[in-house]
N, C-alpha and C. Protein backbone atom coordinates (compact mmCIF):
# COMPACT_ATOMS: atom_id res chain seq x y z
N GLY A 1 -3.93 -4.80 28.77
CA GLY A 1 -4.06 -4.19 27.60
C GLY A 1 -3.22 -4.76 26.39
N THR A 2 -2.68 -6.04 26.76
CA THR A 2 -1.92 -6.81 25.76
C THR A 2 -2.86 -7.44 24.59
N ARG A 3 -2.39 -7.31 23.37
CA ARG A 3 -3.07 -7.71 22.30
C ARG A 3 -2.73 -9.16 22.17
N ARG A 4 -3.81 -10.15 22.21
CA ARG A 4 -3.67 -11.59 22.11
C ARG A 4 -4.15 -12.03 20.84
N LEU A 5 -3.22 -12.67 20.06
CA LEU A 5 -3.79 -13.26 18.70
C LEU A 5 -4.62 -14.55 18.91
N THR A 6 -5.81 -14.53 18.41
CA THR A 6 -6.62 -15.59 18.54
C THR A 6 -6.75 -16.65 17.34
N SER A 7 -6.73 -15.82 16.10
CA SER A 7 -6.86 -16.70 14.79
C SER A 7 -6.37 -15.98 13.65
N ILE A 8 -5.94 -16.65 12.58
CA ILE A 8 -5.58 -15.96 11.46
C ILE A 8 -6.33 -16.72 10.11
N SER A 9 -6.98 -15.98 9.32
CA SER A 9 -7.78 -16.43 8.32
C SER A 9 -7.28 -15.82 6.86
N ASP A 10 -7.49 -16.63 5.87
CA ASP A 10 -7.09 -16.14 4.51
C ASP A 10 -8.06 -15.29 3.82
N THR A 11 -9.39 -15.16 4.61
CA THR A 11 -10.54 -14.49 4.06
C THR A 11 -10.86 -13.36 4.87
N LEU A 12 -10.81 -12.16 4.30
CA LEU A 12 -11.16 -11.01 5.06
C LEU A 12 -12.79 -10.98 5.12
N PRO A 13 -13.42 -10.48 6.13
CA PRO A 13 -14.76 -10.26 6.21
C PRO A 13 -15.38 -9.24 5.34
N PRO A 14 -16.52 -9.22 4.96
CA PRO A 14 -17.06 -8.18 3.96
C PRO A 14 -16.83 -6.62 4.33
N HIS A 15 -16.91 -6.51 5.64
CA HIS A 15 -16.64 -4.87 6.03
C HIS A 15 -15.25 -4.50 5.81
N LEU A 16 -14.34 -5.36 5.93
CA LEU A 16 -12.89 -4.97 5.66
C LEU A 16 -12.52 -4.93 4.16
N GLN A 17 -13.11 -6.03 3.43
CA GLN A 17 -13.15 -5.90 1.98
C GLN A 17 -13.72 -4.61 1.42
N GLU A 18 -14.77 -4.14 1.96
CA GLU A 18 -15.41 -2.95 1.51
C GLU A 18 -14.64 -1.70 1.77
N TYR A 19 -14.07 -1.69 2.97
CA TYR A 19 -13.02 -0.66 3.35
C TYR A 19 -11.96 -0.42 2.36
N LEU A 20 -11.29 -1.58 1.94
CA LEU A 20 -10.15 -1.63 1.11
C LEU A 20 -10.51 -1.23 -0.29
N LYS A 21 -11.61 -1.61 -0.73
CA LYS A 21 -12.19 -1.34 -2.08
C LYS A 21 -12.73 0.05 -2.22
N LYS A 22 -13.59 0.38 -1.30
CA LYS A 22 -14.42 1.84 -1.45
C LYS A 22 -13.36 2.95 -0.91
N GLU A 23 -12.87 2.76 0.26
CA GLU A 23 -12.19 3.91 0.96
C GLU A 23 -10.74 4.15 0.43
N ARG A 24 -10.16 2.90 0.18
CA ARG A 24 -8.71 2.97 -0.27
C ARG A 24 -8.45 2.60 -1.78
N CYS A 25 -9.50 2.19 -2.41
CA CYS A 25 -9.44 1.94 -3.99
C CYS A 25 -8.47 0.93 -4.26
N ILE A 26 -8.43 -0.16 -3.43
CA ILE A 26 -7.42 -1.27 -3.55
C ILE A 26 -8.06 -2.30 -4.44
N ASP A 27 -7.29 -2.80 -5.53
CA ASP A 27 -7.78 -4.00 -6.13
C ASP A 27 -7.65 -5.25 -5.43
N LEU A 28 -8.86 -5.89 -5.07
CA LEU A 28 -8.82 -6.82 -3.95
C LEU A 28 -8.29 -8.16 -4.57
N GLU A 29 -8.40 -8.42 -5.89
CA GLU A 29 -7.80 -9.59 -6.52
C GLU A 29 -6.37 -9.58 -6.49
N LYS A 30 -5.66 -8.39 -6.62
CA LYS A 30 -4.28 -8.33 -6.60
C LYS A 30 -3.85 -8.22 -5.07
N ALA A 31 -4.55 -7.82 -4.16
CA ALA A 31 -4.12 -7.55 -2.92
C ALA A 31 -4.17 -8.73 -1.88
N MET A 32 -5.23 -9.56 -2.15
CA MET A 32 -5.70 -10.61 -1.23
C MET A 32 -4.49 -11.66 -1.01
N PRO A 33 -3.62 -11.98 -2.00
CA PRO A 33 -2.58 -12.89 -1.76
C PRO A 33 -1.61 -12.29 -0.57
N PHE A 34 -1.64 -11.17 -0.30
CA PHE A 34 -0.68 -10.44 0.75
C PHE A 34 -1.42 -10.20 1.98
N LEU A 35 -2.75 -10.50 2.14
CA LEU A 35 -3.47 -10.13 3.21
C LEU A 35 -4.04 -11.19 4.04
N ARG A 36 -4.11 -11.11 5.28
CA ARG A 36 -4.93 -11.97 6.22
C ARG A 36 -5.89 -11.39 7.15
N CYS A 37 -6.80 -11.89 7.52
CA CYS A 37 -7.77 -11.50 8.63
C CYS A 37 -7.18 -11.93 9.96
N ILE A 38 -6.87 -10.97 10.84
CA ILE A 38 -6.20 -11.31 12.04
C ILE A 38 -7.32 -11.01 13.18
N SER A 39 -7.79 -12.11 13.86
CA SER A 39 -8.50 -11.97 15.08
C SER A 39 -7.87 -11.86 16.24
N TYR A 40 -8.09 -10.91 17.15
CA TYR A 40 -7.30 -10.78 18.38
C TYR A 40 -8.19 -10.32 19.53
N GLU A 41 -7.71 -10.34 20.68
CA GLU A 41 -8.47 -10.08 21.99
C GLU A 41 -7.59 -9.03 22.74
N VAL A 42 -8.41 -8.17 23.40
CA VAL A 42 -7.75 -7.14 24.26
C VAL A 42 -8.72 -7.09 25.45
N ARG A 43 -8.36 -7.36 26.62
CA ARG A 43 -9.20 -7.20 27.82
C ARG A 43 -10.49 -7.88 27.61
N GLY A 44 -10.60 -9.09 26.94
CA GLY A 44 -11.75 -9.83 26.86
C GLY A 44 -12.64 -9.51 25.61
N LEU A 45 -12.17 -8.44 24.88
CA LEU A 45 -13.06 -7.90 23.88
C LEU A 45 -12.33 -8.46 22.53
N HIS A 46 -13.22 -8.78 21.62
CA HIS A 46 -12.64 -9.45 20.36
C HIS A 46 -12.69 -8.57 19.23
N TYR A 47 -11.68 -8.59 18.50
CA TYR A 47 -11.52 -7.61 17.23
C TYR A 47 -11.09 -8.34 15.97
N GLN A 48 -11.35 -7.79 14.91
CA GLN A 48 -10.81 -8.13 13.54
C GLN A 48 -10.04 -7.23 12.86
N ALA A 49 -9.02 -7.43 12.11
CA ALA A 49 -8.14 -6.51 11.43
C ALA A 49 -7.59 -7.06 10.20
N ILE A 50 -7.22 -6.24 9.22
CA ILE A 50 -6.51 -6.60 7.98
C ILE A 50 -5.00 -6.81 8.58
N GLY A 51 -4.57 -7.91 8.12
CA GLY A 51 -3.10 -8.15 8.63
C GLY A 51 -2.11 -8.30 7.47
N PHE A 52 -0.97 -7.74 7.54
CA PHE A 52 0.02 -7.78 6.47
C PHE A 52 1.24 -8.30 7.13
N ALA A 53 1.87 -9.35 6.82
CA ALA A 53 2.87 -10.12 7.40
C ALA A 53 4.30 -9.53 7.09
N ASN A 54 5.11 -9.49 8.20
CA ASN A 54 6.52 -9.09 7.78
C ASN A 54 7.50 -10.44 7.86
N GLN A 55 8.58 -10.17 7.55
CA GLN A 55 9.66 -11.32 7.47
C GLN A 55 10.00 -12.07 8.76
N SER A 56 9.57 -11.54 9.90
CA SER A 56 9.81 -12.08 11.23
C SER A 56 8.66 -12.82 11.85
N GLY A 57 7.49 -12.88 11.01
CA GLY A 57 6.22 -13.56 11.63
C GLY A 57 5.38 -12.73 12.32
N GLY A 58 5.62 -11.37 12.29
CA GLY A 58 4.63 -10.42 12.90
C GLY A 58 3.74 -9.88 11.87
N TYR A 59 2.75 -9.05 12.30
CA TYR A 59 1.86 -8.56 11.55
C TYR A 59 1.58 -7.05 11.69
N GLU A 60 1.41 -6.42 10.55
CA GLU A 60 0.81 -4.86 10.73
C GLU A 60 -0.60 -5.10 10.54
N LEU A 61 -1.26 -4.24 11.42
CA LEU A 61 -2.71 -4.44 11.52
C LEU A 61 -3.37 -3.00 11.22
N ARG A 62 -4.61 -3.21 10.39
CA ARG A 62 -5.42 -2.07 10.11
C ARG A 62 -6.84 -2.51 10.15
N ASP A 63 -7.79 -1.63 10.66
CA ASP A 63 -9.18 -2.05 10.53
C ASP A 63 -9.79 -0.94 9.74
N ASN A 64 -11.14 -0.90 9.68
CA ASN A 64 -11.87 -0.11 8.67
C ASN A 64 -12.11 1.27 9.20
N GLY A 65 -11.41 1.60 10.41
CA GLY A 65 -11.51 2.97 10.85
C GLY A 65 -10.15 3.62 10.99
N ILE A 66 -9.75 3.94 12.28
CA ILE A 66 -8.53 4.74 12.33
C ILE A 66 -7.40 3.91 13.04
N PHE A 67 -7.70 2.70 13.48
CA PHE A 67 -6.90 1.85 14.17
C PHE A 67 -5.65 1.45 13.49
N LYS A 68 -4.40 1.49 13.93
CA LYS A 68 -3.15 0.94 13.30
C LYS A 68 -2.48 0.26 14.49
N GLY A 69 -2.00 -0.93 14.26
CA GLY A 69 -1.30 -1.58 15.31
C GLY A 69 -0.35 -2.61 14.76
N THR A 70 0.23 -3.34 15.63
CA THR A 70 1.14 -4.40 15.24
C THR A 70 1.14 -5.62 16.10
N ILE A 71 1.21 -6.86 15.52
CA ILE A 71 1.55 -7.86 16.33
C ILE A 71 3.13 -8.28 16.19
N ALA A 72 3.64 -8.13 17.39
CA ALA A 72 5.26 -8.29 17.38
C ALA A 72 5.52 -9.62 16.95
N PRO A 73 6.80 -9.74 16.28
CA PRO A 73 7.77 -8.64 16.19
C PRO A 73 7.62 -7.69 15.01
N LYS A 74 7.90 -6.55 15.09
CA LYS A 74 7.77 -5.60 13.99
C LYS A 74 9.08 -5.66 13.16
N ASP A 75 8.85 -5.75 11.79
CA ASP A 75 9.97 -5.81 10.86
C ASP A 75 9.55 -5.48 9.45
N ILE A 76 10.54 -5.62 8.60
CA ILE A 76 10.19 -5.25 7.19
C ILE A 76 9.72 -6.41 6.45
N THR A 77 8.96 -6.07 5.20
CA THR A 77 8.40 -7.20 4.40
C THR A 77 8.99 -7.07 2.98
N PRO A 78 9.99 -7.89 2.55
CA PRO A 78 10.42 -8.11 1.17
C PRO A 78 9.42 -8.88 0.41
N ILE A 79 9.20 -8.26 -0.91
CA ILE A 79 8.21 -8.94 -1.75
C ILE A 79 8.84 -8.89 -3.18
N PHE A 80 8.63 -9.93 -3.93
CA PHE A 80 9.02 -10.19 -5.24
C PHE A 80 10.58 -10.00 -5.17
N ALA A 81 11.25 -10.80 -4.40
CA ALA A 81 12.67 -10.56 -4.12
C ALA A 81 13.50 -11.20 -5.26
N ASP A 82 12.75 -12.03 -6.16
CA ASP A 82 13.62 -12.55 -7.22
C ASP A 82 13.45 -11.66 -8.37
N ARG A 83 12.85 -10.40 -8.33
CA ARG A 83 12.87 -9.70 -9.53
C ARG A 83 13.86 -8.46 -9.49
N ALA A 84 13.71 -7.71 -10.54
CA ALA A 84 14.78 -6.83 -10.97
C ALA A 84 14.95 -5.51 -10.10
N GLU A 85 16.20 -5.00 -10.06
CA GLU A 85 16.34 -3.65 -9.47
C GLU A 85 15.75 -2.55 -10.56
N PRO A 86 15.52 -1.25 -10.09
CA PRO A 86 15.59 -0.87 -8.68
C PRO A 86 14.55 -1.43 -7.77
N VAL A 87 14.83 -1.41 -6.46
CA VAL A 87 13.92 -1.85 -5.44
C VAL A 87 12.84 -0.81 -4.96
N CYS A 88 11.71 -1.09 -5.17
CA CYS A 88 10.74 -0.10 -4.78
C CYS A 88 10.40 -0.16 -3.23
N ILE A 89 10.61 0.88 -2.71
CA ILE A 89 10.49 0.98 -1.28
C ILE A 89 9.34 1.75 -0.75
N PHE A 90 8.48 1.06 0.19
CA PHE A 90 7.21 1.76 0.55
C PHE A 90 7.33 1.87 2.13
N GLU A 91 6.63 2.92 2.60
CA GLU A 91 6.62 3.19 4.14
C GLU A 91 5.57 2.17 4.71
N GLY A 92 4.41 2.03 4.18
CA GLY A 92 3.48 1.09 4.69
C GLY A 92 2.78 0.28 3.68
N PHE A 93 2.08 -0.78 4.19
CA PHE A 93 1.52 -1.82 3.14
C PHE A 93 0.32 -1.19 2.21
N MET A 94 -0.24 -0.27 2.88
CA MET A 94 -1.35 0.39 2.05
C MET A 94 -0.88 1.17 0.86
N ASP A 95 0.39 1.64 0.89
CA ASP A 95 1.06 2.42 -0.17
C ASP A 95 1.52 1.27 -1.23
N PHE A 96 1.94 0.09 -0.59
CA PHE A 96 2.38 -1.03 -1.66
C PHE A 96 1.23 -1.66 -2.29
N LEU A 97 -0.03 -1.76 -1.64
CA LEU A 97 -1.30 -2.23 -2.29
C LEU A 97 -1.68 -1.20 -3.31
N SER A 98 -1.49 0.05 -3.09
CA SER A 98 -1.82 1.06 -4.09
C SER A 98 -1.07 0.84 -5.41
N PHE A 99 0.34 0.83 -5.08
CA PHE A 99 1.18 0.56 -6.23
C PHE A 99 0.68 -0.66 -7.00
N LEU A 100 0.47 -1.82 -6.30
CA LEU A 100 -0.11 -3.01 -6.88
C LEU A 100 -1.22 -2.80 -7.88
N SER A 101 -2.22 -2.03 -7.20
CA SER A 101 -3.47 -1.69 -7.97
C SER A 101 -3.32 -0.92 -9.09
N MET A 102 -2.23 0.03 -9.11
CA MET A 102 -2.07 0.87 -10.21
C MET A 102 -1.23 0.29 -11.40
N LYS A 103 -0.60 -0.82 -11.16
CA LYS A 103 0.29 -1.54 -12.14
C LYS A 103 -0.45 -2.74 -12.78
N GLU A 104 -0.18 -2.93 -14.14
CA GLU A 104 -0.67 -4.01 -14.77
C GLU A 104 0.14 -5.25 -14.19
N GLU A 105 1.45 -5.02 -14.12
CA GLU A 105 2.29 -6.10 -13.61
C GLU A 105 3.49 -5.41 -12.79
N VAL A 106 3.84 -5.95 -11.78
CA VAL A 106 5.03 -5.49 -11.01
C VAL A 106 6.28 -6.29 -11.35
N ILE A 107 7.19 -5.64 -12.00
CA ILE A 107 8.46 -6.37 -12.50
C ILE A 107 9.58 -6.09 -11.48
N HIS A 108 9.44 -5.23 -10.45
CA HIS A 108 10.55 -4.89 -9.54
C HIS A 108 10.43 -5.62 -8.27
N HIS A 109 11.59 -5.74 -7.66
CA HIS A 109 11.75 -6.07 -6.24
C HIS A 109 11.17 -5.09 -5.40
N CYS A 110 10.34 -5.44 -4.33
CA CYS A 110 9.64 -4.47 -3.53
C CYS A 110 10.03 -4.76 -2.04
N LEU A 111 9.98 -3.64 -1.31
CA LEU A 111 10.18 -3.67 0.20
C LEU A 111 9.36 -2.81 0.96
N VAL A 112 8.59 -3.32 1.82
CA VAL A 112 7.62 -2.46 2.59
C VAL A 112 8.51 -2.37 3.93
N MET A 113 8.62 -1.14 4.45
CA MET A 113 9.32 -0.93 5.71
C MET A 113 8.33 -1.17 6.98
N ASN A 114 7.14 -0.92 6.72
CA ASN A 114 6.18 -0.93 7.81
C ASN A 114 6.28 0.03 8.90
N SER A 115 7.22 1.00 8.78
CA SER A 115 7.56 2.15 9.48
C SER A 115 8.78 2.88 9.25
N VAL A 116 8.87 3.94 9.17
CA VAL A 116 10.13 4.76 8.94
C VAL A 116 11.19 4.52 10.14
N SER A 117 10.87 3.92 11.17
CA SER A 117 11.69 3.55 12.18
C SER A 117 12.45 2.32 11.73
N ASN A 118 12.06 1.63 10.66
CA ASN A 118 12.78 0.45 10.13
C ASN A 118 13.75 0.69 9.01
N VAL A 119 14.05 2.12 8.93
CA VAL A 119 15.15 2.29 7.86
C VAL A 119 16.41 1.56 7.90
N ALA A 120 16.94 1.48 9.09
CA ALA A 120 18.16 0.75 9.48
C ALA A 120 18.04 -0.69 8.91
N LYS A 121 16.94 -1.35 9.22
CA LYS A 121 16.67 -2.77 8.83
C LYS A 121 16.54 -2.84 7.33
N ALA A 122 16.02 -1.84 6.78
CA ALA A 122 15.83 -1.93 5.27
C ALA A 122 17.32 -1.83 4.66
N ILE A 123 18.14 -0.86 5.13
CA ILE A 123 19.43 -0.61 4.59
C ILE A 123 20.23 -1.92 4.70
N ARG A 124 20.05 -2.55 5.92
CA ARG A 124 20.90 -3.75 6.06
C ARG A 124 20.46 -4.74 5.11
N TYR A 125 19.11 -4.90 4.96
CA TYR A 125 18.68 -5.96 4.02
C TYR A 125 19.19 -5.66 2.64
N LEU A 126 19.17 -4.50 2.13
CA LEU A 126 19.71 -4.21 0.82
C LEU A 126 21.21 -4.36 0.71
N ASN A 127 21.85 -3.87 1.67
CA ASN A 127 23.48 -4.15 1.67
C ASN A 127 23.72 -5.67 1.67
N ASP A 128 23.14 -6.44 2.44
CA ASP A 128 23.30 -7.89 2.60
C ASP A 128 23.19 -8.68 1.17
N ARG A 129 22.32 -8.05 0.27
CA ARG A 129 21.99 -8.53 -1.04
C ARG A 129 22.61 -7.86 -2.14
N HIS A 130 23.49 -6.80 -1.80
CA HIS A 130 24.26 -6.04 -2.88
C HIS A 130 23.30 -5.23 -3.67
N LEU A 131 22.32 -4.78 -3.22
CA LEU A 131 21.24 -4.03 -4.00
C LEU A 131 21.64 -2.66 -3.73
N THR A 132 21.73 -1.79 -4.87
CA THR A 132 22.22 -0.40 -4.81
C THR A 132 21.34 0.62 -5.37
N HIS A 133 20.28 0.21 -6.10
CA HIS A 133 19.45 1.26 -6.74
C HIS A 133 17.90 1.08 -6.22
N ILE A 134 17.37 2.08 -5.68
CA ILE A 134 16.14 2.03 -5.08
C ILE A 134 15.23 3.11 -5.68
N ARG A 135 13.83 3.04 -5.65
CA ARG A 135 12.81 3.94 -5.82
C ARG A 135 12.08 4.02 -4.58
N ALA A 136 12.08 5.32 -4.08
CA ALA A 136 11.54 5.55 -2.71
C ALA A 136 10.08 6.16 -2.83
N PHE A 137 9.08 5.38 -2.61
CA PHE A 137 7.69 5.92 -2.62
C PHE A 137 7.24 6.17 -1.18
N LEU A 138 7.87 7.17 -0.57
CA LEU A 138 7.68 7.48 0.90
C LEU A 138 6.74 8.61 0.99
N ASP A 139 6.36 8.90 2.13
CA ASP A 139 5.40 9.90 2.43
C ASP A 139 5.79 11.34 2.27
N ASN A 140 5.03 12.23 1.84
CA ASN A 140 5.45 13.63 1.74
C ASN A 140 5.39 14.39 3.07
N ASP A 141 6.24 13.95 4.04
CA ASP A 141 6.31 14.70 5.28
C ASP A 141 7.68 14.58 5.73
N ASP A 142 8.06 15.20 6.86
CA ASP A 142 9.32 15.36 7.39
C ASP A 142 10.01 13.97 7.59
N ALA A 143 9.17 13.08 8.20
CA ALA A 143 9.67 11.65 8.40
C ALA A 143 10.10 10.89 7.18
N GLY A 144 9.21 11.03 5.98
CA GLY A 144 9.56 10.44 4.75
C GLY A 144 10.70 11.10 4.09
N LYS A 145 10.96 12.34 4.21
CA LYS A 145 12.13 13.00 3.62
C LYS A 145 13.37 12.54 4.34
N ARG A 146 13.23 12.54 5.73
CA ARG A 146 14.51 12.15 6.42
C ARG A 146 14.91 10.52 6.10
N ALA A 147 13.84 9.80 5.92
CA ALA A 147 14.08 8.41 5.48
C ALA A 147 14.80 8.36 4.11
N THR A 148 14.27 9.09 3.08
CA THR A 148 14.92 9.12 1.80
C THR A 148 16.29 9.63 1.83
N ASN A 149 16.46 10.61 2.70
CA ASN A 149 18.03 11.19 2.91
C ASN A 149 18.80 10.08 3.42
N ASP A 150 18.21 9.28 4.47
CA ASP A 150 19.04 8.29 5.01
C ASP A 150 19.57 7.24 3.99
N PHE A 151 18.58 6.87 3.05
CA PHE A 151 19.11 6.00 1.99
C PHE A 151 20.17 6.61 1.06
N ILE A 152 20.08 7.96 0.90
CA ILE A 152 21.05 8.61 -0.02
C ILE A 152 22.44 8.64 0.73
N ARG A 153 22.37 8.97 2.02
CA ARG A 153 23.71 8.97 2.85
C ARG A 153 24.27 7.60 3.04
N ALA A 154 23.42 6.57 2.90
CA ALA A 154 23.93 5.25 3.01
C ALA A 154 24.57 4.78 1.62
N GLY A 155 24.48 5.53 0.75
CA GLY A 155 25.20 5.21 -0.47
C GLY A 155 24.39 4.80 -1.60
N PHE A 156 23.15 4.74 -1.48
CA PHE A 156 22.24 4.08 -2.54
C PHE A 156 21.95 5.10 -3.53
N LYS A 157 21.77 4.51 -4.87
CA LYS A 157 21.18 5.43 -5.94
C LYS A 157 19.70 5.47 -5.73
N VAL A 158 19.29 6.78 -5.52
CA VAL A 158 17.80 6.92 -4.83
C VAL A 158 17.11 7.67 -5.92
N GLU A 159 15.93 7.13 -6.40
CA GLU A 159 14.87 7.92 -7.14
C GLU A 159 13.78 8.25 -6.17
N ASP A 160 13.52 9.49 -5.89
CA ASP A 160 12.52 10.01 -5.01
C ASP A 160 11.26 9.97 -5.81
N MET A 161 10.43 9.00 -5.68
CA MET A 161 9.21 9.13 -6.46
C MET A 161 8.18 9.80 -5.81
N SER A 162 8.24 10.46 -4.63
CA SER A 162 7.33 11.29 -3.96
C SER A 162 6.99 12.61 -4.82
N VAL A 163 7.92 12.95 -5.81
CA VAL A 163 7.76 14.11 -6.54
C VAL A 163 6.59 13.96 -7.49
N HIS A 164 6.31 12.80 -7.80
CA HIS A 164 5.11 12.57 -8.74
C HIS A 164 3.68 12.54 -8.00
N TYR A 165 3.68 12.70 -6.66
CA TYR A 165 2.61 12.78 -6.02
C TYR A 165 2.67 13.90 -4.81
N ARG A 166 3.49 14.94 -5.24
CA ARG A 166 3.94 16.02 -4.31
C ARG A 166 2.63 16.68 -3.61
N ASN A 167 1.65 16.79 -4.23
CA ASN A 167 0.50 17.46 -3.71
C ASN A 167 -0.34 16.58 -2.83
N PHE A 168 0.12 15.34 -2.55
CA PHE A 168 -0.72 14.37 -1.68
C PHE A 168 0.15 13.91 -0.59
N LYS A 169 -0.54 13.52 0.52
CA LYS A 169 0.13 12.93 1.64
C LYS A 169 0.95 11.76 1.49
N ASP A 170 0.58 10.93 0.60
CA ASP A 170 1.21 9.70 0.34
C ASP A 170 0.65 9.06 -0.83
N LEU A 171 1.30 7.87 -1.47
CA LEU A 171 0.88 7.25 -2.52
C LEU A 171 -0.56 6.82 -2.64
N ASN A 172 -1.11 6.28 -1.45
CA ASN A 172 -2.37 5.87 -1.47
C ASN A 172 -3.48 7.10 -1.60
N GLU A 173 -3.12 8.10 -1.04
CA GLU A 173 -4.08 9.44 -1.33
C GLU A 173 -3.98 9.68 -2.73
N PHE A 174 -2.91 9.69 -3.29
CA PHE A 174 -2.81 10.03 -4.70
C PHE A 174 -3.39 9.04 -5.65
N HIS A 175 -3.35 7.77 -5.30
CA HIS A 175 -4.11 6.77 -6.00
C HIS A 175 -5.55 6.84 -5.82
N VAL A 176 -6.16 7.11 -4.72
CA VAL A 176 -7.54 7.30 -4.41
C VAL A 176 -7.99 8.43 -5.33
N SER A 177 -7.34 9.48 -5.22
CA SER A 177 -7.57 10.72 -6.14
C SER A 177 -7.76 10.38 -7.45
N ARG A 178 -6.79 9.64 -8.15
CA ARG A 178 -6.90 9.21 -9.52
C ARG A 178 -8.09 8.37 -9.75
N VAL A 179 -8.29 7.44 -8.94
CA VAL A 179 -9.57 6.54 -9.22
C VAL A 179 -10.89 7.28 -9.19
N ARG A 180 -10.99 8.26 -8.24
CA ARG A 180 -12.16 9.05 -8.06
C ARG A 180 -12.48 9.88 -9.24
N GLU A 181 -11.32 10.44 -9.96
CA GLU A 181 -11.34 11.26 -11.12
C GLU A 181 -11.91 10.35 -12.24
N GLN A 182 -11.31 9.22 -12.26
CA GLN A 182 -11.63 8.28 -13.39
C GLN A 182 -13.13 7.92 -13.21
N GLN A 183 -13.62 7.63 -12.08
CA GLN A 183 -14.99 7.39 -11.80
C GLN A 183 -15.84 8.51 -12.16
N LYS A 184 -15.57 9.70 -11.94
CA LYS A 184 -16.35 10.90 -12.29
C LYS A 184 -16.46 10.95 -13.86
N LYS A 185 -15.34 10.73 -14.54
CA LYS A 185 -15.47 10.76 -16.04
C LYS A 185 -16.27 9.62 -16.62
N LEU A 186 -16.21 8.45 -15.99
CA LEU A 186 -17.14 7.37 -16.47
C LEU A 186 -18.60 7.61 -16.11
N GLU A 187 -18.97 8.39 -15.17
CA GLU A 187 -20.29 8.58 -14.90
C GLU A 187 -20.86 9.63 -15.82
N LYS A 188 -19.97 10.47 -16.29
CA LYS A 188 -20.46 11.62 -17.34
C LYS A 188 -20.54 10.91 -18.68
N THR A 189 -19.76 10.00 -19.01
CA THR A 189 -19.70 9.37 -20.47
C THR A 189 -21.02 8.93 -20.81
N PRO A 190 -21.77 8.12 -20.12
CA PRO A 190 -23.06 7.60 -20.60
C PRO A 190 -23.98 8.67 -21.15
N ASN A 191 -24.16 9.65 -20.30
CA ASN A 191 -25.06 10.76 -20.65
C ASN A 191 -24.67 11.63 -21.96
N THR A 192 -23.37 11.73 -22.07
CA THR A 192 -22.82 12.33 -23.35
C THR A 192 -23.15 11.49 -24.58
N SER A 193 -22.97 10.14 -24.45
CA SER A 193 -23.31 9.27 -25.46
C SER A 193 -24.65 9.27 -25.98
N ASN A 194 -25.58 9.26 -24.91
CA ASN A 194 -27.07 9.41 -25.15
C ASN A 194 -27.45 10.65 -25.95
N LYS A 195 -26.78 11.78 -25.54
CA LYS A 195 -27.16 12.95 -26.17
C LYS A 195 -26.75 12.95 -27.67
N ARG A 196 -25.55 12.37 -27.88
CA ARG A 196 -25.04 12.11 -29.35
C ARG A 196 -26.07 11.26 -30.11
N LYS A 197 -26.50 10.27 -29.51
CA LYS A 197 -27.43 9.31 -30.18
C LYS A 197 -28.83 10.17 -30.61
N GLN A 198 -29.25 10.99 -29.64
CA GLN A 198 -30.47 11.74 -29.87
C GLN A 198 -30.30 12.62 -31.09
N VAL A 199 -29.16 13.39 -31.06
CA VAL A 199 -28.88 14.39 -32.15
C VAL A 199 -28.81 13.54 -33.54
N LYS A 200 -28.24 12.42 -33.53
CA LYS A 200 -28.06 11.73 -34.79
C LYS A 200 -29.55 11.31 -35.43
N LEU A 201 -30.39 10.87 -34.35
CA LEU A 201 -31.78 10.45 -34.76
C LEU A 201 -32.47 11.71 -35.28
N LYS A 202 -32.34 12.74 -34.82
CA LYS A 202 -33.05 14.01 -35.20
C LYS A 202 -32.66 14.40 -36.63
N ILE A 203 -31.33 14.29 -36.88
CA ILE A 203 -30.83 14.49 -38.21
C ILE A 203 -31.36 13.69 -39.23
N ARG A 204 -31.40 12.41 -38.89
CA ARG A 204 -32.02 11.39 -39.82
C ARG A 204 -33.51 11.80 -40.03
């Protein structure tokens, strides 16, 4: 049952691009520099997945269904390390890609933990670089709250950003909801404008 890496490509196949765009509402133009197509084999069967690299050369994997996996070693992923504090902390890469899609420009240092089990590694990374101020975009569940409290106990100034999406499971779910609402409004707009034009014509 061992997962064997067979190839890495810079181009995601259409079905994985569609999944990111349609299901997760990710801006592909912004996201693609951080993603790879990982081809791997298990018991002679071949698979493809979205790959997100960590700082130790491993990959977090997602397909267009429910599969989540890792090509070891598992580790954190620092991004935009030359940018300003506060450091934006994300539990998984889909939340980071959502953040990227929501922003015109990302001006802050970012860190994707790739799992709440990597909190200690994240704390060590921040301490080694004397970074003291973070924004935690973690999940609205017990594990996310425990991780946020771990950062607070470690002495960091923590802004808990999950309060801004408290009615959603995570940042991606919140982002998808916002995009869907915007799409609904855009769908209604043309009909309204047509009605206005018809009224004006009648008045004339």
